[in-house]
Every structure is written in C-alpha cells, then in structure tokens.
Amino acid sequence: YAYEPRAWLADWTLFYWSWWIAWSPFVGMFIARISRGRSVREFVISVLTVPTAFTFLWMTVFGNSAMSLDMGIAQGAISDAVRADLSTALFEFLDYFPLPTLTSILAIALVMVFFVTSADSGALILANLSSAHNDEDAPGWMRIYWAVLLALVSSSLLLAGGLSALQTATLVAALPFGIILLLMGAGLVRQMNADLRGEVIEQAAPHLGARLRFIFAPASREQIIRQINQTACPALEEVYVALSANAEFAQLDRQEDEITLIIDNEKGTSFYYRVSPRSRPRPALTASEARQNRRLNEWRMVVNSSDGKRARDITGFTREQIVSDVLEHLQRWRAAL
C-alpha cells in the first residue's frame, strides 16, 4: 500500500511514535546508566545506528519473505492468520521453513526474553524514580512492586479491550510526555553548545540552605556514599581523563566505598587523593546535647592526600569544587618535587 491511502499505515505509525515516547523515560535512563563515559559519537553509533540498521534488516528479510510466501505457495494463508489472530501469524509464517517446531520454540523464547528484560528495566527505573532518596539502585521489594503493578495494568487493559485498549492507553500516556521531550531536546542542544564553548551551565555551588544542611544535619553512611558516587567519582574521573590526555601516568582506584586518584613519579614519590566516608561523634552545642549524642555518630565525606596532612571534611562540595581541590593538592605536590 505504498501508493494507496490506507488508515493502517497512519494509525500504526502514530501508535509506534507514541509507544516509544511513552517508553522513553525508562529506555533513556537505562541507556544513560550503561553509556556513562562514552562519547556522543559512540552513543549515536551504538544506540541509534545499529538498532535502526537491525530493524531495517528484520523488516526486509521477514517482511518480504512473508509477502512472497503469502502471494506464492501460502495462497493467502498468512494474511488469513493475521486477520484471524495477529499473535499466531509468526508461527504460520515459520511453518513454511525447515524445522518449524524448533524455530517456533526459539521465537517464543526470544519474545519472552524481550518482555522480561523490558519489564525489568522499566521496573528498575520506576523504582529509582519513586525512591525517597533517589537511589541509583532502589530496594528489591520496590522493583518487585512495580513489576507486579506493570503486569496487572497490562493484563487488565488486554482483558478489558484487547490490543486497542492497550494502544489507547499508550497514546494517552505519551501525549503529555511528548511536550516534556521537546523541552528536553532544547535543553540538550543548550547543554551541548555550552560544552563545546567550555562553559558550565550548572551553579558552581549549592544554595545556602543545602550547604547549611550538609554542615549541621547528621548524615548516614548511605547518604555519604551516594554523595561520593554523584560528586567525587565524576570529579576524579574528569581529572584522570585530563591527566591521561596530557601524557601523565595516572590511575583511578575505585573501591566499594572510596575512590583514589594516583600519580606515580620516577623519584618514587607518588601523589594520591583519596575520598572516602568516615564516621565521627556527633557534635554537640550544649551539655544536654552532649549527653544525648554520646553514643551517636554521623558520617562525613573526607579526603586524604599525599601531603601528609590530616583528613579534610569535604561534605557538600560540588564536582567543580572537588576538581579545584584536587588541582590545588596536585600543584603543591609538583612544587615539592
């Protein structure tokens, strides 16, 4: 129907667009997690070009083969199967090839893997978005909750109105997020242009309330580790990449709860900058608080460096501030050499 006006072409095109817009928050965040450290070129090639090329290959091989069989030896049987029950059309198509039982079992396995991985990634991202502390890895029970809820909603829609109800729900869900995607596209262009100019759009430091909260509010070990992952790790990775580009022999040692930037020297004097969590007695301003806090500890993000000085508290530092602190320590180390 390439040259005939058919509603099916328009309807299913719109449905697929809406389908992927509705899925984009989950797919986008999932791909972002596994693409950290990749360049824009690598991202475009691996995430956009390869799947698109595979889709062209799939549609060409399976689509043209199905049409050729249907107009040939099948005598319209595949078309009849599509009209009768869309879910059986693939197996009707495979019946015209060798080992149909084996290929049908393989097809079922592949479809099951697709649904399981899609539901798992969707449940993971939903759990992270709905977590109270915006954890990178939400608790297991929360992922199970969202997976079960997704299954119940999908089953209810299929039982209530079949595929048309599921398509309608997808269209409704995609419409408001389509507007958000347009704003995100504008933000992406703005951020990349600023990156090319070497500018930083983000604020250099958190606002006053956030800094005061870091100073006075007692933090847990989990909160400090999260802060290390979100600020210290990207900062040290940025310095490490810059050192590698300038032919400096550096290495990054990432442990479970700490990260260390190390630079070896021919004279045997190595530079290191280690960020790790550390507990300390909770400070008290009054005698009553001292009695209450006697057995209570709080956790802080501290840095130890090769200059031999005592550990410094850098809780609440932004990525830019940590980078600046590393460069200051590195400059003093070079001057001492």
C-alpha atoms as a PDB file:
ATOM      1  CA  TYR A   1       0.000   0.000   0.000  1.00  0.00           C
ATOM      2  CA  ALA A   2       2.924   2.355  -0.613  1.00  0.00           C
ATOM      3  CA  TYR A   3       0.874   4.368  -3.150  1.00  0.00           C
ATOM      4  CA  GLU A   4      -2.619   3.779  -1.747  1.00  0.00           C
ATOM      5  CA  PRO A   5      -4.087   5.797   1.146  1.00  0.00           C
ATOM      6  CA  ARG A   6      -4.694   3.321   3.952  1.00  0.00           C
ATOM      7  CA  ALA A   7      -5.614   4.181   7.540  1.00  0.00           C
ATOM      8  CA  TRP A   8      -3.487   1.314   8.847  1.00  0.00           C
ATOM      9  CA  LEU A   9      -0.228   2.966   7.774  1.00  0.00           C
ATOM     10  CA  ALA A  10      -1.061   6.232   9.520  1.00  0.00           C
ATOM     11  CA  ASP A  11      -2.583   4.639  12.638  1.00  0.00           C
ATOM     12  CA  TRP A  12       0.290   2.259  13.302  1.00  0.00           C
ATOM     13  CA  THR A  13       2.900   4.925  12.611  1.00  0.00           C
ATOM     14  CA  LEU A  14       1.254   7.167  15.183  1.00  0.00           C
ATOM     15  CA  PHE A  15       0.969   4.265  17.607  1.00  0.00           C
ATOM     16  CA  TYR A  16       4.679   3.395  17.333  1.00  0.00           C
ATOM     17  CA  TRP A  17       5.703   7.013  17.833  1.00  0.00           C
ATOM     18  CA  SER A  18       3.511   7.235  20.932  1.00  0.00           C
ATOM     19  CA  TRP A  19       4.752   3.860  22.128  1.00  0.00           C
ATOM     20  CA  TRP A  20       8.377   4.967  22.113  1.00  0.00           C
ATOM     21  CA  ILE A  21       7.587   8.366  23.605  1.00  0.00           C
ATOM     22  CA  ALA A  22       5.834   6.590  26.488  1.00  0.00           C
ATOM     23  CA  TRP A  23       8.826   4.262  26.894  1.00  0.00           C
ATOM     24  CA  SER A  24      11.459   6.993  26.526  1.00  0.00           C
ATOM     25  CA  PRO A  25      11.886   7.786  30.265  1.00  0.00           C
ATOM     26  CA  PHE A  26      12.687   4.147  31.038  1.00  0.00           C
ATOM     27  CA  VAL A  27      14.753   3.444  27.925  1.00  0.00           C
ATOM     28  CA  GLY A  28      16.588   6.772  28.178  1.00  0.00           C
ATOM     29  CA  MET A  29      17.586   6.386  31.821  1.00  0.00           C
ATOM     30  CA  PHE A  30      18.516   2.734  31.334  1.00  0.00           C
ATOM     31  CA  ILE A  31      20.750   3.528  28.340  1.00  0.00           C
ATOM     32  CA  ALA A  32      22.241   6.504  30.185  1.00  0.00           C
ATOM     33  CA  ARG A  33      23.330   4.220  33.044  1.00  0.00           C
ATOM     34  CA  ILE A  34      25.118   1.774  30.734  1.00  0.00           C
ATOM     35  CA  SER A  35      26.581   4.537  28.498  1.00  0.00           C
ATOM     36  CA  ARG A  36      28.416   6.500  31.150  1.00  0.00           C
ATOM     37  CA  GLY A  37      31.860   7.506  29.930  1.00  0.00           C
ATOM     38  CA  ARG A  38      31.003   7.090  26.253  1.00  0.00           C
ATOM     39  CA  SER A  39      31.382   9.867  23.718  1.00  0.00           C
ATOM     40  CA  VAL A  40      28.466  11.306  21.750  1.00  0.00           C
ATOM     41  CA  ARG A  41      29.826   9.635  18.599  1.00  0.00           C
ATOM     42  CA  GLU A  42      29.938   6.220  20.304  1.00  0.00           C
ATOM     43  CA  PHE A  43      26.429   6.746  21.642  1.00  0.00           C
ATOM     44  CA  VAL A  44      24.998   7.657  18.221  1.00  0.00           C
ATOM     45  CA  ILE A  45      26.660   4.695  16.514  1.00  0.00           C
ATOM     46  CA  SER A  46      25.809   2.074  19.108  1.00  0.00           C
ATOM     47  CA  VAL A  47      22.366   3.220  20.303  1.00  0.00           C
ATOM     48  CA  LEU A  48      20.844   4.870  17.227  1.00  0.00           C
ATOM     49  CA  THR A  49      22.531   3.485  14.118  1.00  0.00           C
ATOM     50  CA  VAL A  50      22.925  -0.209  14.988  1.00  0.00           C
ATOM     51  CA  PRO A  51      19.333  -0.846  16.196  1.00  0.00           C
ATOM     52  CA  THR A  52      17.941   1.088  13.230  1.00  0.00           C
ATOM     53  CA  ALA A  53      20.022  -0.960  10.807  1.00  0.00           C
ATOM     54  CA  PHE A  54      18.915  -4.179  12.510  1.00  0.00           C
ATOM     55  CA  THR A  55      15.274  -3.094  12.254  1.00  0.00           C
ATOM     56  CA  PHE A  56      15.695  -2.459   8.521  1.00  0.00           C
ATOM     57  CA  LEU A  57      17.273  -5.906   8.156  1.00  0.00           C
ATOM     58  CA  TRP A  58      14.486  -7.581  10.155  1.00  0.00           C
ATOM     59  CA  MET A  59      11.671  -5.870   8.273  1.00  0.00           C
ATOM     60  CA  THR A  60      13.314  -6.575   4.922  1.00  0.00           C
ATOM     61  CA  VAL A  61      14.067 -10.271   5.498  1.00  0.00           C
ATOM     62  CA  PHE A  62      10.939 -11.276   7.417  1.00  0.00           C
ATOM     63  CA  GLY A  63       8.529  -8.816   5.804  1.00  0.00           C
ATOM     64  CA  ASN A  64       9.492  -9.509   2.200  1.00  0.00           C
ATOM     65  CA  SER A  65       9.689 -13.249   2.868  1.00  0.00           C
ATOM     66  CA  ALA A  66       6.194 -13.245   4.364  1.00  0.00           C
ATOM     67  CA  MET A  67       4.731 -11.310   1.436  1.00  0.00           C
ATOM     68  CA  SER A  68       6.497 -13.545  -1.083  1.00  0.00           C
ATOM     69  CA  LEU A  69       5.224 -16.707   0.626  1.00  0.00           C
ATOM     70  CA  ASP A  70       1.699 -15.312   1.043  1.00  0.00           C
ATOM     71  CA  MET A  71       1.421 -14.437  -2.641  1.00  0.00           C
ATOM     72  CA  GLY A  72       3.071 -17.731  -3.613  1.00  0.00           C
ATOM     73  CA  ILE A  73       2.836 -21.166  -2.054  1.00  0.00           C
ATOM     74  CA  ALA A  74       0.855 -19.995   1.006  1.00  0.00           C
ATOM     75  CA  GLN A  75      -2.057 -18.872  -1.178  1.00  0.00           C
ATOM     76  CA  GLY A  76      -3.061 -16.139   1.298  1.00  0.00           C
ATOM     77  CA  ALA A  77      -2.835 -18.335   4.422  1.00  0.00           C
ATOM     78  CA  ILE A  78      -0.509 -15.907   6.228  1.00  0.00           C
ATOM     79  CA  SER A  79      -2.864 -12.975   5.533  1.00  0.00           C
ATOM     80  CA  ASP A  80      -5.775 -15.048   6.852  1.00  0.00           C
ATOM     81  CA  ALA A  81      -3.785 -15.832  10.016  1.00  0.00           C
ATOM     82  CA  VAL A  82      -3.070 -12.116  10.533  1.00  0.00           C
ATOM     83  CA  ARG A  83      -6.756 -11.242  10.211  1.00  0.00           C
ATOM     84  CA  ALA A  84      -7.830 -14.114  12.462  1.00  0.00           C
ATOM     85  CA  ASP A  85      -5.278 -13.702  15.266  1.00  0.00           C
ATOM     86  CA  LEU A  86      -2.250 -11.460  14.918  1.00  0.00           C
ATOM     87  CA  SER A  87      -0.305 -13.339  17.603  1.00  0.00           C
ATOM     88  CA  THR A  88      -0.272 -16.571  15.549  1.00  0.00           C
ATOM     89  CA  ALA A  89       0.926 -15.003  12.278  1.00  0.00           C
ATOM     90  CA  LEU A  90       4.626 -15.516  13.066  1.00  0.00           C
ATOM     91  CA  PHE A  91       4.144 -19.240  13.666  1.00  0.00           C
ATOM     92  CA  GLU A  92       2.099 -19.575  10.482  1.00  0.00           C
ATOM     93  CA  PHE A  93       4.996 -17.943   8.657  1.00  0.00           C
ATOM     94  CA  LEU A  94       7.584 -20.278  10.239  1.00  0.00           C
ATOM     95  CA  ASP A  95       5.615 -23.345   9.143  1.00  0.00           C
ATOM     96  CA  TYR A  96       6.882 -22.785   5.587  1.00  0.00           C
ATOM     97  CA  PHE A  97      10.536 -23.197   6.650  1.00  0.00           C
ATOM     98  CA  PRO A  98      12.521 -26.258   7.812  1.00  0.00           C
ATOM     99  CA  LEU A  99      12.304 -27.295  11.490  1.00  0.00           C
ATOM    100  CA  PRO A 100       9.178 -25.214  12.277  1.00  0.00           C
ATOM    101  CA  THR A 101       8.852 -26.673  15.786  1.00  0.00           C
ATOM    102  CA  LEU A 102      12.402 -25.680  16.726  1.00  0.00           C
ATOM    103  CA  THR A 103      12.128 -22.186  15.242  1.00  0.00           C
ATOM    104  CA  SER A 104       8.743 -21.651  16.942  1.00  0.00           C
ATOM    105  CA  ILE A 105      10.235 -22.582  20.334  1.00  0.00           C
ATOM    106  CA  LEU A 106      13.141 -20.209  19.663  1.00  0.00           C
ATOM    107  CA  ALA A 107      10.708 -17.430  18.692  1.00  0.00           C
ATOM    108  CA  ILE A 108       8.732 -17.912  21.926  1.00  0.00           C
ATOM    109  CA  ALA A 109      11.968 -17.792  23.943  1.00  0.00           C
ATOM    110  CA  LEU A 110      13.070 -14.571  22.222  1.00  0.00           C
ATOM    111  CA  VAL A 111       9.687 -12.915  22.774  1.00  0.00           C
ATOM    112  CA  MET A 112       9.783 -13.940  26.443  1.00  0.00           C
ATOM    113  CA  VAL A 113      13.307 -12.518  26.859  1.00  0.00           C
ATOM    114  CA  PHE A 114      12.148  -9.264  25.249  1.00  0.00           C
ATOM    115  CA  PHE A 115       9.204  -8.910  27.628  1.00  0.00           C
ATOM    116  CA  VAL A 116      11.194  -9.894  30.713  1.00  0.00           C
ATOM    117  CA  THR A 117      14.080  -7.517  30.020  1.00  0.00           C
ATOM    118  CA  SER A 118      11.697  -4.678  29.102  1.00  0.00           C
ATOM    119  CA  ALA A 119       9.645  -5.169  32.256  1.00  0.00           C
ATOM    120  CA  ASP A 120      12.791  -5.483  34.385  1.00  0.00           C
ATOM    121  CA  SER A 121      14.352  -2.273  33.057  1.00  0.00           C
ATOM    122  CA  GLY A 122      11.020  -0.450  33.364  1.00  0.00           C
ATOM    123  CA  ALA A 123      10.550  -1.647  36.951  1.00  0.00           C
ATOM    124  CA  LEU A 124      14.145  -0.680  37.810  1.00  0.00           C
ATOM    125  CA  ILE A 125      13.793   2.883  36.526  1.00  0.00           C
ATOM    126  CA  LEU A 126      10.328   3.324  38.087  1.00  0.00           C
ATOM    127  CA  ALA A 127      11.725   2.134  41.421  1.00  0.00           C
ATOM    128  CA  ASN A 128      14.660   4.560  41.203  1.00  0.00           C
ATOM    129  CA  LEU A 129      12.353   7.459  40.287  1.00  0.00           C
ATOM    130  CA  SER A 130       9.962   6.707  43.151  1.00  0.00           C
ATOM    131  CA  SER A 131      12.668   6.047  45.752  1.00  0.00           C
ATOM    132  CA  ALA A 132      12.638   8.505  48.629  1.00  0.00           C
ATOM    133  CA  HIS A 133      16.371   9.112  48.401  1.00  0.00           C
ATOM    134  CA  ASN A 134      16.720   8.938  44.602  1.00  0.00           C
ATOM    135  CA  ASP A 135      18.886   5.842  44.932  1.00  0.00           C
ATOM    136  CA  GLU A 136      20.741   4.566  41.910  1.00  0.00           C
ATOM    137  CA  ASP A 137      19.675   1.069  42.925  1.00  0.00           C
ATOM    138  CA  ALA A 138      16.335   1.033  44.698  1.00  0.00           C
ATOM    139  CA  PRO A 139      15.433  -1.800  47.118  1.00  0.00           C
ATOM    140  CA  GLY A 140      14.479  -5.121  45.599  1.00  0.00           C
ATOM    141  CA  TRP A 141      10.980  -5.082  47.051  1.00  0.00           C
ATOM    142  CA  MET A 142      10.263  -1.800  45.256  1.00  0.00           C
ATOM    143  CA  ARG A 143      11.324  -3.269  41.919  1.00  0.00           C
ATOM    144  CA  ILE A 144       9.098  -6.303  42.515  1.00  0.00           C
ATOM    145  CA  TYR A 145       6.203  -3.995  43.390  1.00  0.00           C
ATOM    146  CA  TRP A 146       6.496  -2.060  40.129  1.00  0.00           C
ATOM    147  CA  ALA A 147       6.984  -5.231  38.051  1.00  0.00           C
ATOM    148  CA  VAL A 148       3.798  -6.747  39.512  1.00  0.00           C
ATOM    149  CA  LEU A 149       1.911  -3.475  39.020  1.00  0.00           C
ATOM    150  CA  LEU A 150       3.023  -3.246  35.382  1.00  0.00           C
ATOM    151  CA  ALA A 151       1.859  -6.812  34.775  1.00  0.00           C
ATOM    152  CA  LEU A 152      -1.527  -6.166  36.416  1.00  0.00           C
ATOM    153  CA  VAL A 153      -2.166  -2.958  34.461  1.00  0.00           C
ATOM    154  CA  SER A 154      -1.192  -4.554  31.141  1.00  0.00           C
ATOM    155  CA  SER A 155      -3.316  -7.646  31.818  1.00  0.00           C
ATOM    156  CA  SER A 156      -6.289  -5.521  32.832  1.00  0.00           C
ATOM    157  CA  LEU A 157      -6.093  -3.443  29.657  1.00  0.00           C
ATOM    158  CA  LEU A 158      -5.818  -6.555  27.478  1.00  0.00           C
ATOM    159  CA  LEU A 159      -8.773  -8.218  29.218  1.00  0.00           C
ATOM    160  CA  ALA A 160     -10.860  -5.048  29.114  1.00  0.00           C
ATOM    161  CA  GLY A 161     -10.436  -4.116  25.466  1.00  0.00           C
ATOM    162  CA  GLY A 162      -7.681  -6.141  23.875  1.00  0.00           C
ATOM    163  CA  LEU A 163      -4.918  -4.546  21.856  1.00  0.00           C
ATOM    164  CA  SER A 164      -6.963  -1.431  21.031  1.00  0.00           C
ATOM    165  CA  ALA A 165      -7.300  -0.564  24.731  1.00  0.00           C
ATOM    166  CA  LEU A 166      -3.550  -1.002  25.224  1.00  0.00           C
ATOM    167  CA  GLN A 167      -2.849   1.233  22.226  1.00  0.00           C
ATOM    168  CA  THR A 168      -5.246   3.898  23.504  1.00  0.00           C
ATOM    169  CA  ALA A 169      -3.579   3.861  26.926  1.00  0.00           C
ATOM    170  CA  THR A 170      -0.188   4.254  25.253  1.00  0.00           C
ATOM    171  CA  LEU A 171      -1.381   7.255  23.242  1.00  0.00           C
ATOM    172  CA  VAL A 172      -2.820   8.909  26.367  1.00  0.00           C
ATOM    173  CA  ALA A 173       0.405   8.344  28.321  1.00  0.00           C
ATOM    174  CA  ALA A 174       2.624   9.635  25.516  1.00  0.00           C
ATOM    175  CA  LEU A 175       0.834  12.929  24.849  1.00  0.00           C
ATOM    176  CA  PRO A 176       1.935  14.872  27.974  1.00  0.00           C
ATOM    177  CA  PHE A 177       5.443  13.452  27.887  1.00  0.00           C
ATOM    178  CA  GLY A 178       5.819  14.491  24.251  1.00  0.00           C
ATOM    179  CA  ILE A 179       5.815  18.115  25.449  1.00  0.00           C
ATOM    180  CA  ILE A 180       8.486  17.295  28.038  1.00  0.00           C
ATOM    181  CA  LEU A 181      10.591  15.650  25.325  1.00  0.00           C
ATOM    182  CA  LEU A 182      10.541  18.870  23.288  1.00  0.00           C
ATOM    183  CA  LEU A 183      11.822  20.817  26.302  1.00  0.00           C
ATOM    184  CA  MET A 184      14.455  18.148  26.960  1.00  0.00           C
ATOM    185  CA  GLY A 185      15.587  18.417  23.329  1.00  0.00           C
ATOM    186  CA  ALA A 186      16.042  22.163  23.695  1.00  0.00           C
ATOM    187  CA  GLY A 187      17.940  21.607  26.946  1.00  0.00           C
ATOM    188  CA  LEU A 188      20.198  19.036  25.290  1.00  0.00           C
ATOM    189  CA  VAL A 189      21.111  21.455  22.473  1.00  0.00           C
ATOM    190  CA  ARG A 190      21.775  24.213  25.012  1.00  0.00           C
ATOM    191  CA  GLN A 191      23.974  21.976  27.166  1.00  0.00           C
ATOM    192  CA  MET A 192      25.995  20.599  24.248  1.00  0.00           C
ATOM    193  CA  ASN A 193      26.596  24.086  22.810  1.00  0.00           C
ATOM    194  CA  ALA A 194      27.804  25.228  26.226  1.00  0.00           C
ATOM    195  CA  ASP A 195      30.049  22.160  26.438  1.00  0.00           C
ATOM    196  CA  LEU A 196      31.630  22.987  23.073  1.00  0.00           C
ATOM    197  CA  ARG A 197      32.329  26.526  24.300  1.00  0.00           C
ATOM    198  CA  GLY A 198      33.812  25.183  27.540  1.00  0.00           C
ATOM    199  CA  GLU A 199      31.119  26.775  29.677  1.00  0.00           C
ATOM    200  CA  VAL A 200      29.374  25.269  32.697  1.00  0.00           C
ATOM    201  CA  ILE A 201      25.637  25.867  32.979  1.00  0.00           C
ATOM    202  CA  GLU A 202      25.245  24.395  36.453  1.00  0.00           C
ATOM    203  CA  GLN A 203      25.757  26.549  39.504  1.00  0.00           C
ATOM    204  CA  ALA A 204      29.246  26.384  40.980  1.00  0.00           C
ATOM    205  CA  ALA A 205      27.919  25.624  44.455  1.00  0.00           C
ATOM    206  CA  PRO A 206      24.658  24.535  46.057  1.00  0.00           C
ATOM    207  CA  HIS A 207      22.406  27.173  47.552  1.00  0.00           C
ATOM    208  CA  LEU A 208      22.775  28.389  51.142  1.00  0.00           C
ATOM    209  CA  GLY A 209      20.161  26.030  52.575  1.00  0.00           C
ATOM    210  CA  ALA A 210      21.837  22.984  51.055  1.00  0.00           C
ATOM    211  CA  ARG A 211      25.267  23.979  52.385  1.00  0.00           C
ATOM    212  CA  LEU A 212      23.883  24.539  55.874  1.00  0.00           C
ATOM    213  CA  ARG A 213      22.160  21.160  55.758  1.00  0.00           C
ATOM    214  CA  PHE A 214      25.462  19.485  54.880  1.00  0.00           C
ATOM    215  CA  ILE A 215      27.166  21.247  57.788  1.00  0.00           C
ATOM    216  CA  PHE A 216      24.617  20.744  60.553  1.00  0.00           C
ATOM    217  CA  ALA A 217      22.395  17.797  59.592  1.00  0.00           C
ATOM    218  CA  PRO A 218      23.794  14.390  60.632  1.00  0.00           C
ATOM    219  CA  ALA A 219      24.299  12.183  57.598  1.00  0.00           C
ATOM    220  CA  SER A 220      24.142   8.400  57.318  1.00  0.00           C
ATOM    221  CA  ARG A 221      26.771   6.242  55.684  1.00  0.00           C
ATOM    222  CA  GLU A 222      24.445   5.562  52.731  1.00  0.00           C
ATOM    223  CA  GLN A 223      23.981   9.293  52.124  1.00  0.00           C
ATOM    224  CA  ILE A 224      27.737   9.914  52.123  1.00  0.00           C
ATOM    225  CA  ILE A 225      28.405   7.003  49.749  1.00  0.00           C
ATOM    226  CA  ARG A 226      25.706   8.372  47.452  1.00  0.00           C
ATOM    227  CA  GLN A 227      27.404  11.779  47.572  1.00  0.00           C
ATOM    228  CA  ILE A 228      30.752  10.164  46.725  1.00  0.00           C
ATOM    229  CA  ASN A 229      29.192   8.416  43.714  1.00  0.00           C
ATOM    230  CA  GLN A 230      27.411  11.548  42.492  1.00  0.00           C
ATOM    231  CA  THR A 231      30.123  14.198  43.002  1.00  0.00           C
ATOM    232  CA  ALA A 232      33.545  12.815  43.977  1.00  0.00           C
ATOM    233  CA  CYS A 233      33.691   9.999  41.400  1.00  0.00           C
ATOM    234  CA  PRO A 234      32.799  12.220  38.399  1.00  0.00           C
ATOM    235  CA  ALA A 235      35.250  14.876  39.637  1.00  0.00           C
ATOM    236  CA  LEU A 236      38.196  12.473  39.950  1.00  0.00           C
ATOM    237  CA  GLU A 237      37.275  10.828  36.632  1.00  0.00           C
ATOM    238  CA  GLU A 238      37.372  14.257  34.973  1.00  0.00           C
ATOM    239  CA  VAL A 239      40.862  14.959  36.376  1.00  0.00           C
ATOM    240  CA  TYR A 240      42.010  11.452  35.419  1.00  0.00           C
ATOM    241  CA  VAL A 241      40.883  11.903  31.797  1.00  0.00           C
ATOM    242  CA  ALA A 242      42.638  15.283  31.593  1.00  0.00           C
ATOM    243  CA  LEU A 243      45.865  13.828  33.022  1.00  0.00           C
ATOM    244  CA  SER A 244      45.759  10.920  30.568  1.00  0.00           C
ATOM    245  CA  ALA A 245      45.307  13.353  27.673  1.00  0.00           C
ATOM    246  CA  ASN A 246      48.441  15.241  28.803  1.00  0.00           C
ATOM    247  CA  ALA A 247      50.598  12.088  28.914  1.00  0.00           C
ATOM    248  CA  GLU A 248      50.680  11.949  32.708  1.00  0.00           C
ATOM    249  CA  PHE A 249      50.719   8.407  34.085  1.00  0.00           C
ATOM    250  CA  ALA A 250      47.693   8.311  36.366  1.00  0.00           C
ATOM    251  CA  GLN A 251      45.376   5.607  37.610  1.00  0.00           C
ATOM    252  CA  LEU A 252      41.992   5.573  39.273  1.00  0.00           C
ATOM    253  CA  ASP A 253      41.388   3.036  42.035  1.00  0.00           C
ATOM    254  CA  ARG A 254      37.664   2.537  42.689  1.00  0.00           C
ATOM    255  CA  GLN A 255      36.742   0.527  45.761  1.00  0.00           C
ATOM    256  CA  GLU A 256      33.295  -0.267  47.132  1.00  0.00           C
ATOM    257  CA  ASP A 257      33.004   2.922  49.194  1.00  0.00           C
ATOM    258  CA  GLU A 258      36.016   5.055  48.196  1.00  0.00           C
ATOM    259  CA  ILE A 259      37.880   6.351  45.149  1.00  0.00           C
ATOM    260  CA  THR A 260      41.570   7.254  44.832  1.00  0.00           C
ATOM    261  CA  LEU A 261      43.444   9.184  42.148  1.00  0.00           C
ATOM    262  CA  ILE A 262      47.089   8.078  41.970  1.00  0.00           C
ATOM    263  CA  ILE A 263      50.038   9.528  40.013  1.00  0.00           C
ATOM    264  CA  ASP A 264      53.376   7.695  40.075  1.00  0.00           C
ATOM    265  CA  ASN A 265      56.689   9.528  39.902  1.00  0.00           C
ATOM    266  CA  GLU A 266      60.143   8.354  38.817  1.00  0.00           C
ATOM    267  CA  LYS A 267      61.593   9.569  42.114  1.00  0.00           C
ATOM    268  CA  GLY A 268      59.294   7.219  43.999  1.00  0.00           C
ATOM    269  CA  THR A 269      57.134   9.969  45.462  1.00  0.00           C
ATOM    270  CA  SER A 270      53.578   9.200  44.414  1.00  0.00           C
ATOM    271  CA  PHE A 271      50.644  11.540  44.554  1.00  0.00           C
ATOM    272  CA  TYR A 272      47.297  10.300  45.751  1.00  0.00           C
ATOM    273  CA  TYR A 273      43.954  11.898  46.507  1.00  0.00           C
ATOM    274  CA  ARG A 274      41.542   9.539  48.287  1.00  0.00           C
ATOM    275  CA  VAL A 275      37.876  10.299  49.017  1.00  0.00           C
ATOM    276  CA  SER A 276      36.113   8.007  51.484  1.00  0.00           C
ATOM    277  CA  PRO A 277      33.370   8.003  54.126  1.00  0.00           C
ATOM    278  CA  ARG A 278      34.307   8.418  57.770  1.00  0.00           C
ATOM    279  CA  SER A 279      32.261   8.435  60.950  1.00  0.00           C
ATOM    280  CA  ARG A 280      32.793  10.820  63.843  1.00  0.00           C
ATOM    281  CA  PRO A 281      30.994  11.600  67.104  1.00  0.00           C
ATOM    282  CA  ARG A 282      28.049  13.831  66.502  1.00  0.00           C
ATOM    283  CA  PRO A 283      28.982  17.382  67.611  1.00  0.00           C
ATOM    284  CA  ALA A 284      27.076  18.998  70.476  1.00  0.00           C
ATOM    285  CA  LEU A 285      26.499  22.669  71.240  1.00  0.00           C
ATOM    286  CA  THR A 286      25.103  22.211  74.733  1.00  0.00           C
ATOM    287  CA  ALA A 287      25.676  19.882  77.678  1.00  0.00           C
ATOM    288  CA  SER A 288      22.327  18.182  77.173  1.00  0.00           C
ATOM    289  CA  GLU A 289      23.135  17.524  73.510  1.00  0.00           C
ATOM    290  CA  ALA A 290      26.493  16.108  74.579  1.00  0.00           C
ATOM    291  CA  ARG A 291      24.757  13.592  76.848  1.00  0.00           C
ATOM    292  CA  GLN A 292      22.300  12.685  74.096  1.00  0.00           C
ATOM    293  CA  ASN A 293      24.962  12.415  71.394  1.00  0.00           C
ATOM    294  CA  ARG A 294      27.464  10.487  73.496  1.00  0.00           C
ATOM    295  CA  ARG A 295      26.869   7.250  71.591  1.00  0.00           C
ATOM    296  CA  LEU A 296      25.704   8.749  68.309  1.00  0.00           C
ATOM    297  CA  ASN A 297      27.914   9.125  65.256  1.00  0.00           C
ATOM    298  CA  GLU A 298      27.499  10.906  61.956  1.00  0.00           C
ATOM    299  CA  TRP A 299      29.195  10.252  58.635  1.00  0.00           C
ATOM    300  CA  ARG A 300      31.177  12.715  56.538  1.00  0.00           C
ATOM    301  CA  MET A 301      32.942  12.691  53.163  1.00  0.00           C
ATOM    302  CA  VAL A 302      36.648  13.169  53.820  1.00  0.00           C
ATOM    303  CA  VAL A 303      39.792  13.361  51.677  1.00  0.00           C
ATOM    304  CA  ASN A 304      43.288  12.094  52.444  1.00  0.00           C
ATOM    305  CA  SER A 305      46.141  13.206  50.232  1.00  0.00           C
ATOM    306  CA  SER A 306      49.852  12.599  49.835  1.00  0.00           C
ATOM    307  CA  ASP A 307      50.783  15.871  51.542  1.00  0.00           C
ATOM    308  CA  GLY A 308      50.506  14.030  54.879  1.00  0.00           C
ATOM    309  CA  LYS A 309      48.046  16.435  56.434  1.00  0.00           C
ATOM    310  CA  ARG A 310      45.069  15.228  58.439  1.00  0.00           C
ATOM    311  CA  ALA A 311      41.895  14.220  56.638  1.00  0.00           C
ATOM    312  CA  ARG A 312      39.772  17.137  55.435  1.00  0.00           C
ATOM    313  CA  ASP A 313      35.976  17.231  55.521  1.00  0.00           C
ATOM    314  CA  ILE A 314      34.613  17.979  52.035  1.00  0.00           C
ATOM    315  CA  THR A 315      30.995  17.036  52.684  1.00  0.00           C
ATOM    316  CA  GLY A 316      28.749  19.127  50.456  1.00  0.00           C
ATOM    317  CA  PHE A 317      31.443  20.011  47.927  1.00  0.00           C
ATOM    318  CA  THR A 318      30.260  20.185  44.335  1.00  0.00           C
ATOM    319  CA  ARG A 319      32.010  18.431  41.456  1.00  0.00           C
ATOM    320  CA  GLU A 320      33.724  21.675  40.405  1.00  0.00           C
ATOM    321  CA  GLN A 321      34.922  22.356  43.962  1.00  0.00           C
ATOM    322  CA  ILE A 322      36.404  18.864  44.283  1.00  0.00           C
ATOM    323  CA  VAL A 323      38.209  19.282  40.943  1.00  0.00           C
ATOM    324  CA  SER A 324      39.634  22.595  42.166  1.00  0.00           C
ATOM    325  CA  ASP A 325      40.724  20.982  45.449  1.00  0.00           C
ATOM    326  CA  VAL A 326      42.489  18.142  43.596  1.00  0.00           C
ATOM    327  CA  LEU A 327      44.356  20.644  41.404  1.00  0.00           C
ATOM    328  CA  GLU A 328      45.483  22.620  44.465  1.00  0.00           C
ATOM    329  CA  HIS A 329      46.889  19.472  46.094  1.00  0.00           C
ATOM    330  CA  LEU A 330      48.476  18.453  42.799  1.00  0.00           C
ATOM    331  CA  GLN A 331      50.143  21.856  42.402  1.00  0.00           C
ATOM    332  CA  ARG A 332      51.631  21.681  45.926  1.00  0.00           C
ATOM    333  CA  TRP A 333      52.905  18.156  45.211  1.00  0.00           C
ATOM    334  CA  ARG A 334      54.592  19.240  41.975  1.00  0.00           C
ATOM    335  CA  ALA A 335      56.140  22.233  43.700  1.00  0.00           C
ATOM    336  CA  ALA A 336      57.549  19.967  46.438  1.00  0.00           C
ATOM    337  CA  LEU A 337      59.180  17.770  43.790  1.00  0.00           C
END
